Protein backbone atom coordinates (compact mmCIF):
# COMPACT_ATOMS: atom_id res chain seq x y z
CA MET A 1 -26.59 -127.72 -88.72
CA GLY A 2 -29.99 -129.37 -88.67
CA SER A 3 -33.00 -127.45 -89.87
CA LYS A 4 -35.63 -126.70 -87.25
CA ARG A 5 -38.15 -126.74 -90.09
CA VAL A 6 -38.03 -130.56 -90.02
CA PRO A 7 -40.43 -131.57 -87.20
CA ALA A 8 -38.21 -134.29 -85.76
CA TYR A 9 -36.62 -134.50 -82.32
CA ASN A 10 -35.00 -137.92 -82.74
CA ILE A 11 -34.27 -140.46 -85.46
CA HIS A 12 -37.50 -142.30 -84.68
CA ASP A 13 -39.45 -139.17 -85.65
CA LEU A 14 -37.62 -139.12 -88.98
CA GLU A 15 -38.46 -142.79 -89.47
CA ARG A 16 -42.17 -142.05 -88.97
CA LEU A 17 -42.01 -139.19 -91.48
CA ALA A 18 -40.22 -141.45 -93.97
CA ARG A 19 -42.84 -144.17 -93.55
CA ARG A 20 -45.61 -141.70 -94.42
CA ARG A 21 -43.85 -140.35 -97.50
CA LEU A 22 -42.46 -143.48 -99.16
CA PRO A 23 -44.33 -146.25 -100.97
CA HIS A 24 -44.64 -149.28 -98.73
CA GLY A 25 -42.34 -151.47 -100.82
CA LEU A 26 -39.57 -148.90 -100.90
CA PHE A 27 -39.85 -148.20 -97.17
CA GLU A 28 -39.60 -151.91 -96.42
CA PHE A 29 -36.53 -152.15 -98.63
CA ILE A 30 -34.64 -149.59 -96.54
CA THR A 31 -35.86 -150.62 -93.10
CA ARG A 32 -36.24 -154.40 -93.06
CA GLY A 33 -33.82 -157.33 -92.89
CA ALA A 34 -33.37 -160.88 -94.11
CA GLU A 35 -35.56 -163.93 -93.45
CA ASP A 36 -36.91 -163.89 -89.86
CA GLU A 37 -35.04 -160.64 -89.11
CA ILE A 38 -33.46 -162.07 -85.96
CA THR A 39 -30.19 -160.20 -86.54
CA LEU A 40 -31.98 -157.00 -87.51
CA HIS A 41 -33.77 -156.91 -84.15
CA GLU A 42 -30.77 -158.17 -82.18
CA ASN A 43 -28.65 -155.29 -83.49
CA LEU A 44 -31.06 -152.94 -81.73
CA ALA A 45 -31.74 -155.07 -78.64
CA SER A 46 -28.10 -155.80 -77.86
CA LEU A 47 -27.28 -152.10 -77.80
CA LYS A 48 -30.01 -151.56 -75.22
CA ARG A 49 -28.58 -154.30 -72.99
CA ILE A 50 -25.36 -152.29 -72.62
CA PHE A 51 -25.47 -149.56 -69.98
CA LEU A 52 -23.47 -146.39 -69.52
CA ARG A 53 -21.70 -145.74 -66.21
CA GLN A 54 -22.29 -142.16 -65.17
CA ARG A 55 -19.43 -140.31 -63.48
CA VAL A 56 -20.09 -136.98 -61.75
CA GLY A 57 -18.22 -134.00 -60.31
CA ILE A 58 -16.26 -133.45 -63.55
CA ASP A 59 -16.04 -130.23 -65.56
CA VAL A 60 -17.66 -131.14 -68.89
CA SER A 61 -18.56 -127.62 -69.98
CA ASP A 62 -16.26 -127.78 -73.01
CA ARG A 63 -16.73 -131.02 -74.93
CA ASP A 64 -14.79 -132.03 -78.03
CA LEU A 65 -16.51 -134.64 -80.22
CA SER A 66 -13.74 -134.81 -82.83
CA ILE A 67 -11.66 -137.85 -83.77
CA GLU A 68 -8.67 -138.58 -85.99
CA LEU A 69 -9.16 -141.11 -88.77
CA PHE A 70 -6.84 -141.92 -91.65
CA GLY A 71 -4.77 -138.82 -91.04
CA GLN A 72 -7.58 -136.30 -90.90
CA ARG A 73 -9.50 -134.69 -88.07
CA LEU A 74 -13.26 -135.18 -88.15
CA PRO A 75 -15.60 -133.04 -86.03
CA LEU A 76 -17.80 -136.04 -85.16
CA PRO A 77 -17.10 -139.74 -84.56
CA ILE A 78 -19.49 -140.56 -87.41
CA ILE A 79 -19.24 -141.69 -91.00
CA VAL A 80 -22.35 -141.69 -93.16
CA GLY A 81 -22.44 -145.27 -94.35
CA VAL A 82 -23.59 -146.62 -97.66
CA THR A 83 -27.32 -147.16 -98.09
CA GLY A 84 -28.83 -148.81 -101.13
CA LEU A 85 -31.08 -146.90 -103.51
CA SER A 86 -30.69 -143.51 -101.84
CA GLY A 87 -31.55 -142.01 -105.20
CA MET A 88 -34.94 -143.72 -105.11
CA VAL A 89 -35.73 -142.48 -101.62
CA HIS A 90 -35.40 -138.86 -102.74
CA TYR A 91 -34.66 -137.13 -106.02
CA ARG A 92 -30.86 -136.98 -106.42
CA GLY A 93 -30.66 -138.53 -102.98
CA GLU A 94 -26.92 -139.21 -103.01
CA VAL A 95 -26.24 -135.55 -103.77
CA GLU A 96 -28.47 -134.41 -100.91
CA ILE A 97 -26.87 -136.74 -98.35
CA ALA A 98 -23.40 -135.80 -99.58
CA ARG A 99 -24.27 -132.13 -99.08
CA ALA A 100 -25.51 -132.83 -95.56
CA ALA A 101 -22.38 -134.81 -94.69
CA LEU A 102 -20.17 -132.08 -96.14
CA ARG A 103 -21.95 -129.50 -94.01
CA ALA A 104 -21.40 -131.66 -90.92
CA GLY A 105 -17.77 -132.25 -91.87
CA VAL A 106 -18.01 -136.06 -91.93
CA PRO A 107 -17.28 -138.57 -94.71
CA TYR A 108 -20.06 -139.86 -96.93
CA THR A 109 -19.91 -143.36 -98.42
CA VAL A 110 -21.42 -143.67 -101.87
CA GLY A 111 -22.33 -147.16 -103.04
CA SER A 112 -22.48 -149.25 -106.18
CA THR A 113 -26.19 -148.49 -106.62
CA SER A 114 -25.77 -144.72 -106.73
CA PHE A 115 -27.64 -142.83 -109.45
CA THR A 116 -24.97 -140.13 -109.28
CA ALA A 117 -21.44 -140.64 -110.58
CA LEU A 118 -18.70 -140.33 -107.99
CA ALA A 119 -17.11 -137.47 -109.85
CA ASP A 120 -20.39 -135.51 -109.78
CA LEU A 121 -20.93 -135.64 -106.03
CA PRO A 122 -20.25 -132.45 -104.07
CA ALA A 123 -17.12 -132.59 -101.94
CA GLU A 124 -14.84 -129.67 -101.21
CA ARG A 125 -12.34 -132.22 -99.94
CA ARG A 126 -12.37 -135.47 -101.91
CA ASP A 127 -10.96 -137.33 -98.90
CA LYS A 128 -14.41 -136.92 -97.31
CA LEU A 129 -15.95 -138.95 -100.14
CA TRP A 130 -15.67 -142.71 -99.61
CA CYS A 131 -16.58 -145.31 -102.24
CA GLN A 132 -18.16 -148.70 -101.46
CA ILE A 133 -17.96 -151.65 -103.86
CA TYR A 134 -19.31 -155.19 -103.78
CA PRO A 135 -17.07 -157.96 -105.09
CA THR A 136 -18.77 -159.06 -108.29
CA LYS A 137 -18.74 -162.26 -110.32
CA ARG A 138 -17.70 -160.20 -113.32
CA ARG A 139 -14.22 -158.99 -112.36
CA ASP A 140 -14.21 -156.46 -115.18
CA VAL A 141 -17.21 -154.80 -113.49
CA PHE A 142 -15.36 -154.76 -110.16
CA ASP A 143 -12.20 -153.33 -111.75
CA TYR A 144 -14.25 -150.67 -113.54
CA GLN A 145 -15.64 -149.45 -110.22
CA VAL A 146 -12.19 -149.38 -108.62
CA GLU A 147 -10.91 -147.29 -111.52
CA LYS A 148 -13.83 -144.87 -111.17
CA ALA A 149 -13.11 -144.51 -107.46
CA ALA A 150 -9.48 -143.71 -108.24
CA GLU A 151 -10.45 -141.18 -110.91
CA ALA A 152 -12.80 -139.46 -108.43
CA ARG A 153 -9.97 -139.39 -105.84
CA ALA A 154 -12.14 -141.13 -103.26
CA GLY A 155 -10.85 -140.71 -99.73
CA ALA A 156 -11.28 -144.42 -98.93
CA LEU A 157 -12.28 -147.56 -100.78
CA VAL A 158 -14.73 -149.76 -98.88
CA ILE A 159 -15.17 -153.39 -99.94
CA THR A 160 -18.28 -155.13 -98.63
CA MET A 161 -17.26 -158.65 -97.61
CA ASP A 162 -20.41 -160.00 -95.94
CA SER A 163 -22.56 -160.54 -99.03
CA ALA A 164 -20.83 -163.19 -101.12
CA ILE A 165 -24.27 -164.69 -101.78
CA ALA A 166 -27.50 -162.79 -102.36
CA SER A 167 -29.57 -162.59 -99.20
CA ASN A 168 -33.10 -163.90 -98.79
CA ARG A 169 -35.51 -161.01 -98.33
CA GLU A 170 -38.89 -162.62 -98.78
CA TYR A 171 -40.84 -159.45 -98.08
CA MET A 172 -39.56 -158.01 -101.37
CA ARG A 173 -41.34 -160.76 -103.25
CA HIS A 174 -44.45 -160.25 -101.15
CA ASN A 175 -44.61 -156.50 -101.81
CA GLY A 176 -43.50 -156.70 -105.45
CA PHE A 177 -40.42 -154.52 -104.99
CA ASN A 178 -37.63 -156.36 -106.79
CA ILE A 179 -34.57 -155.31 -108.78
CA PRO A 180 -34.74 -154.62 -111.65
CA ILE A 181 -37.99 -152.87 -110.85
CA LYS A 182 -40.91 -154.21 -112.88
CA PRO A 183 -44.12 -152.38 -111.97
CA THR A 184 -47.09 -154.52 -110.99
CA LEU A 185 -50.67 -153.54 -110.16
CA ARG A 186 -49.73 -153.70 -106.47
CA THR A 187 -46.71 -151.40 -106.83
CA VAL A 188 -48.68 -148.96 -109.02
CA ILE A 189 -51.44 -148.69 -106.40
CA ASP A 190 -48.82 -148.32 -103.66
CA THR A 191 -47.10 -145.53 -105.57
CA LEU A 192 -50.32 -143.65 -106.32
CA ALA A 193 -51.11 -143.69 -102.59
CA HIS A 194 -47.94 -141.63 -101.96
CA PRO A 195 -48.29 -138.61 -104.28
CA GLY A 196 -45.52 -136.61 -102.58
CA TRP A 197 -42.91 -139.21 -103.51
CA LEU A 198 -44.54 -139.92 -106.88
CA ILE A 199 -44.40 -136.27 -107.99
CA GLY A 200 -41.27 -135.18 -106.16
CA THR A 201 -39.09 -138.15 -107.04
CA TYR A 202 -40.41 -140.62 -109.59
CA LEU A 203 -41.98 -138.18 -112.04
CA ARG A 204 -38.94 -135.89 -111.94
CA TYR A 205 -36.78 -138.81 -113.00
CA TRP A 206 -39.33 -139.89 -115.60
CA LEU A 207 -39.37 -136.43 -117.20
CA GLU A 208 -35.59 -136.30 -117.55
CA GLY A 209 -35.05 -139.99 -118.33
CA MET A 210 -35.07 -142.83 -115.83
CA PRO A 211 -31.79 -143.12 -113.92
CA ARG A 212 -29.22 -145.91 -113.98
CA PHE A 213 -26.51 -146.97 -111.57
CA ALA A 214 -23.97 -144.39 -112.65
CA ASN A 215 -20.85 -146.07 -111.28
CA LEU A 216 -21.34 -149.35 -113.13
CA PRO A 217 -20.18 -149.94 -116.72
CA PRO A 218 -22.59 -148.86 -119.47
CA GLY A 219 -25.27 -151.49 -119.99
CA HIS A 220 -25.10 -152.90 -116.47
CA GLY A 221 -26.85 -150.25 -114.44
CA GLN A 222 -30.43 -150.19 -115.68
CA LEU A 223 -32.92 -150.28 -112.82
CA PHE A 224 -36.25 -149.78 -114.59
CA LYS A 225 -35.62 -151.56 -117.88
CA LYS A 226 -37.79 -154.67 -118.23
CA ASP A 227 -35.04 -156.77 -119.85
CA ALA A 228 -32.21 -155.17 -117.87
CA ASP A 229 -28.86 -156.96 -117.79
CA VAL A 230 -28.11 -157.47 -114.10
CA THR A 231 -25.27 -159.95 -114.55
CA GLY A 232 -22.79 -157.25 -113.59
CA LEU A 233 -24.41 -157.06 -110.15
CA ALA A 234 -24.05 -160.78 -109.40
CA PHE A 235 -22.00 -161.29 -106.24
CA GLY A 236 -18.48 -162.65 -106.43
CA GLU A 237 -18.82 -165.93 -104.57
CA ASP A 238 -15.18 -166.76 -105.37
CA PHE A 239 -13.73 -163.48 -104.07
CA THR A 240 -10.99 -164.33 -101.56
CA TRP A 241 -8.20 -162.84 -99.45
CA GLN A 242 -5.94 -163.33 -102.45
CA ASP A 243 -8.07 -160.81 -104.33
CA ILE A 244 -7.83 -158.45 -101.36
CA ALA A 245 -4.03 -158.77 -101.44
CA GLU A 246 -4.01 -157.85 -105.12
CA LEU A 247 -6.34 -154.91 -104.51
CA ARG A 248 -4.11 -153.73 -101.66
CA ARG A 249 -1.22 -153.54 -104.13
CA ARG A 250 -3.32 -151.51 -106.57
CA TRP A 251 -5.13 -149.12 -104.23
CA PRO A 252 -2.82 -146.43 -102.78
CA GLY A 253 -5.23 -144.84 -100.28
CA PRO A 254 -7.10 -146.08 -97.22
CA LEU A 255 -8.61 -149.51 -97.85
CA VAL A 256 -11.49 -150.58 -95.61
CA LEU A 257 -13.24 -153.96 -95.36
CA LYS A 258 -16.90 -153.93 -94.36
CA GLY A 259 -18.54 -156.95 -92.77
CA ILE A 260 -15.81 -158.22 -90.44
CA SER A 261 -17.27 -159.83 -87.31
CA THR A 262 -14.68 -162.30 -86.00
CA ARG A 263 -11.22 -162.05 -84.46
CA GLU A 264 -9.91 -164.44 -87.12
CA ASP A 265 -10.89 -162.20 -90.02
CA ALA A 266 -9.75 -159.05 -88.21
CA ALA A 267 -6.29 -160.56 -87.80
CA ILE A 268 -6.16 -161.61 -91.47
CA ALA A 269 -7.21 -158.12 -92.55
CA ALA A 270 -4.42 -156.59 -90.46
CA ASP A 271 -1.90 -159.04 -91.93
CA HIS A 272 -2.96 -157.90 -95.41
CA GLY A 273 -2.20 -154.27 -94.64
CA ILE A 274 -5.82 -153.14 -94.53
CA ASP A 275 -6.27 -149.68 -93.01
CA GLY A 276 -9.70 -150.12 -91.44
CA ILE A 277 -12.49 -152.61 -90.88
CA ILE A 278 -16.18 -152.15 -90.23
CA VAL A 279 -17.79 -154.57 -87.81
CA SER A 280 -21.06 -155.16 -89.61
CA ASN A 281 -23.70 -157.73 -90.44
CA HIS A 282 -25.16 -155.62 -93.24
CA GLY A 283 -27.79 -154.18 -90.96
CA GLY A 284 -29.33 -157.63 -90.55
CA ARG A 285 -29.95 -157.75 -94.31
CA SER A 286 -27.53 -160.54 -95.26
CA LEU A 287 -27.09 -163.61 -93.00
CA ASP A 288 -29.98 -163.84 -90.56
CA GLY A 289 -29.11 -165.33 -87.19
CA CYS A 290 -25.54 -164.05 -87.07
CA VAL A 291 -24.12 -162.15 -84.11
CA ALA A 292 -25.11 -158.52 -83.50
CA SER A 293 -22.50 -155.95 -84.49
CA ILE A 294 -22.00 -154.53 -80.99
CA ALA A 295 -21.59 -158.07 -79.60
CA ALA A 296 -18.89 -158.82 -82.19
CA LEU A 297 -17.06 -155.54 -81.57
CA PRO A 298 -14.95 -156.50 -78.50
CA GLU A 299 -13.21 -159.51 -80.03
CA VAL A 300 -12.54 -157.62 -83.26
CA VAL A 301 -11.04 -154.68 -81.35
CA ASP A 302 -8.88 -157.08 -79.39
CA ALA A 303 -7.58 -158.83 -82.51
CA ALA A 304 -7.01 -155.59 -84.42
CA GLY A 305 -5.01 -153.90 -81.67
CA GLU A 306 -3.34 -150.80 -83.03
CA ARG A 307 -2.81 -152.24 -86.51
CA LEU A 308 -5.99 -150.90 -88.07
CA ALA A 309 -8.96 -148.65 -87.34
CA VAL A 310 -12.09 -150.47 -86.18
CA MET A 311 -15.48 -149.01 -87.02
CA VAL A 312 -18.93 -150.45 -86.48
CA ASP A 313 -22.47 -150.16 -87.83
CA GLY A 314 -25.85 -151.75 -87.20
CA GLY A 315 -28.75 -150.28 -85.25
CA PHE A 316 -27.25 -146.96 -84.14
CA LEU A 317 -30.32 -144.75 -83.93
CA ARG A 318 -29.30 -142.90 -80.74
CA GLY A 319 -26.20 -140.88 -79.93
CA SER A 320 -25.95 -142.63 -76.56
CA ASP A 321 -25.55 -145.96 -78.39
CA ILE A 322 -22.74 -144.45 -80.45
CA VAL A 323 -21.04 -143.44 -77.19
CA LYS A 324 -21.30 -147.07 -76.02
CA ALA A 325 -19.52 -148.29 -79.14
CA LEU A 326 -16.79 -145.67 -78.79
CA ALA A 327 -16.25 -146.70 -75.17
CA MET A 328 -15.92 -150.30 -76.33
CA GLY A 329 -13.10 -149.47 -78.73
CA ALA A 330 -14.67 -148.36 -81.99
CA ARG A 331 -12.81 -145.51 -83.65
CA ALA A 332 -16.00 -144.29 -85.30
CA VAL A 333 -19.57 -145.41 -85.96
CA MET A 334 -21.21 -145.63 -89.36
CA VAL A 335 -24.82 -144.50 -89.54
CA GLY A 336 -27.02 -145.49 -92.44
CA ARG A 337 -30.72 -145.82 -91.82
CA GLY A 338 -30.83 -142.66 -89.65
CA THR A 339 -29.66 -140.33 -92.41
CA LEU A 340 -31.70 -142.27 -94.96
CA TYR A 341 -34.85 -141.68 -92.93
CA GLY A 342 -33.96 -138.00 -92.83
CA LEU A 343 -33.42 -137.97 -96.60
CA ALA A 344 -36.79 -139.62 -97.20
CA ALA A 345 -38.53 -137.20 -94.84
CA ALA A 346 -37.11 -133.92 -96.14
CA GLY A 347 -34.16 -134.35 -98.49
CA TYR A 348 -31.04 -132.38 -97.62
CA GLU A 349 -32.73 -130.70 -94.66
CA GLY A 350 -33.84 -134.05 -93.28
CA ALA A 351 -30.40 -135.65 -93.64
CA SER A 352 -28.85 -132.59 -91.99
CA ARG A 353 -31.38 -132.85 -89.20
CA ALA A 354 -30.40 -136.49 -88.60
CA LEU A 355 -26.72 -135.58 -88.27
CA PHE A 356 -27.59 -132.67 -85.98
CA LEU A 357 -29.61 -134.99 -83.74
CA TYR A 358 -26.76 -137.50 -83.58
CA ARG A 359 -24.31 -134.73 -82.66
CA GLU A 360 -26.53 -133.36 -79.90
CA GLU A 361 -27.18 -136.79 -78.41
CA ILE A 362 -23.49 -137.79 -78.50
CA SER A 363 -22.49 -134.53 -76.84
CA ARG A 364 -25.14 -134.90 -74.16
CA ALA A 365 -24.25 -138.52 -73.38
CA MET A 366 -20.53 -137.76 -73.24
CA GLY A 367 -21.13 -134.95 -70.79
CA LEU A 368 -23.37 -137.06 -68.58
CA VAL A 369 -20.81 -139.88 -68.32
CA GLY A 370 -18.15 -137.32 -67.44
CA CYS A 371 -16.08 -137.22 -70.65
CA ARG A 372 -14.86 -134.09 -72.38
CA THR A 373 -13.29 -135.90 -75.35
CA VAL A 374 -13.98 -139.04 -77.36
CA ALA A 375 -10.50 -140.30 -76.54
CA ALA A 376 -11.41 -140.25 -72.83
CA LEU A 377 -14.15 -142.83 -73.35
CA GLY A 378 -13.19 -146.34 -72.31
CA PRO A 379 -14.44 -149.63 -70.88
CA ASN A 380 -14.91 -148.02 -67.47
CA HIS A 381 -17.81 -146.05 -68.98
CA VAL A 382 -19.95 -149.07 -69.91
CA THR A 383 -21.43 -152.13 -68.28
CA VAL A 384 -21.90 -154.94 -70.77
CA PRO A 385 -23.42 -158.45 -70.58
CA SER A 386 -20.85 -161.17 -69.95
CA ALA A 387 -21.26 -162.58 -73.46
CA THR A 388 -20.30 -159.20 -74.88
CA ALA A 389 -17.62 -158.32 -72.35
CA MET A 390 -14.41 -156.70 -73.51
CA PRO A 391 -11.21 -158.76 -73.34
CA SER A 392 -9.22 -158.37 -70.15
CA GLY A 393 -6.35 -155.96 -70.42
CA TRP A 394 -7.86 -153.95 -73.26
CA ARG A 395 -6.84 -150.32 -72.96
């Protein structure tokens, strides 16, 4: 796993390769946050303020990185999270990331803005294919996506709860990269300056017909059409726990809520029979100034108890940071930008390289803190700031 032909030795190397290959507007779309980007930067900084406690004199020659999640054994404590416009980053991007995740044996989360239909994504085991949906103002659009996820036998349904209102990303207006995409002189010049992406991605789509969001109803998924109808993408500002209760009755498989960051909402999710929650602030792309994901993790873990699986995302660009989250009670960590950088850099090989790097770094960090299994990680393996400290009595 992880092609040596991709000249990257960490996720930061893949980010630099992605920056060189992608048009500036598209790169900013995948890497930047909302407003002043306080939360975006705090996601990263707060992880670095947590330190691992290194134990020695332990036989760690045989390390097992596997976990159990929703009744299946995964070889890594990782889920490839949803990332918007993967299909723009690389030709048939969702297919390439899905292939990389399948090779690594971990689930891949495909989102509402996928150019590839759920049923067309490669997955030897459909339970490794997760589907993410935004609550939409048009409930018929939301129901359509749920039905498509059921038809594709998705292994889990992920509902994003932290984006009831469209976020404020001013840089998108500055660089001219908006949805639906309407080319301007600036974006044309930007694109021409990146011929690798222009020829390898954009022109390939143009020759076969410009793509649409394949998992939305016909007429609602046009990305490049000047007069595109985007009403189906409008966020459901009136989507409530009552809607979640109704969805829980309809959806028979694992149901996961993404964007939970408080003990109150974790407890409500558990009371509604939710199977898993993802502690997330949308990668700092939704509400700027909200708490970092890793800082919110302890109180969510405490409130969830054993009633549901707690996952986390936001700023995990090193395997050692993933180990910190696991020690603080996360069942698994969702990675998004890391695999997206790999995809942008080198398609399937780049995404595979990202997952290989994560695996190597997790294994190394586990060994150096004296743990042979993920289950052995606990609060005694981390030192955290008092504001982030884990509740007394946990584990």
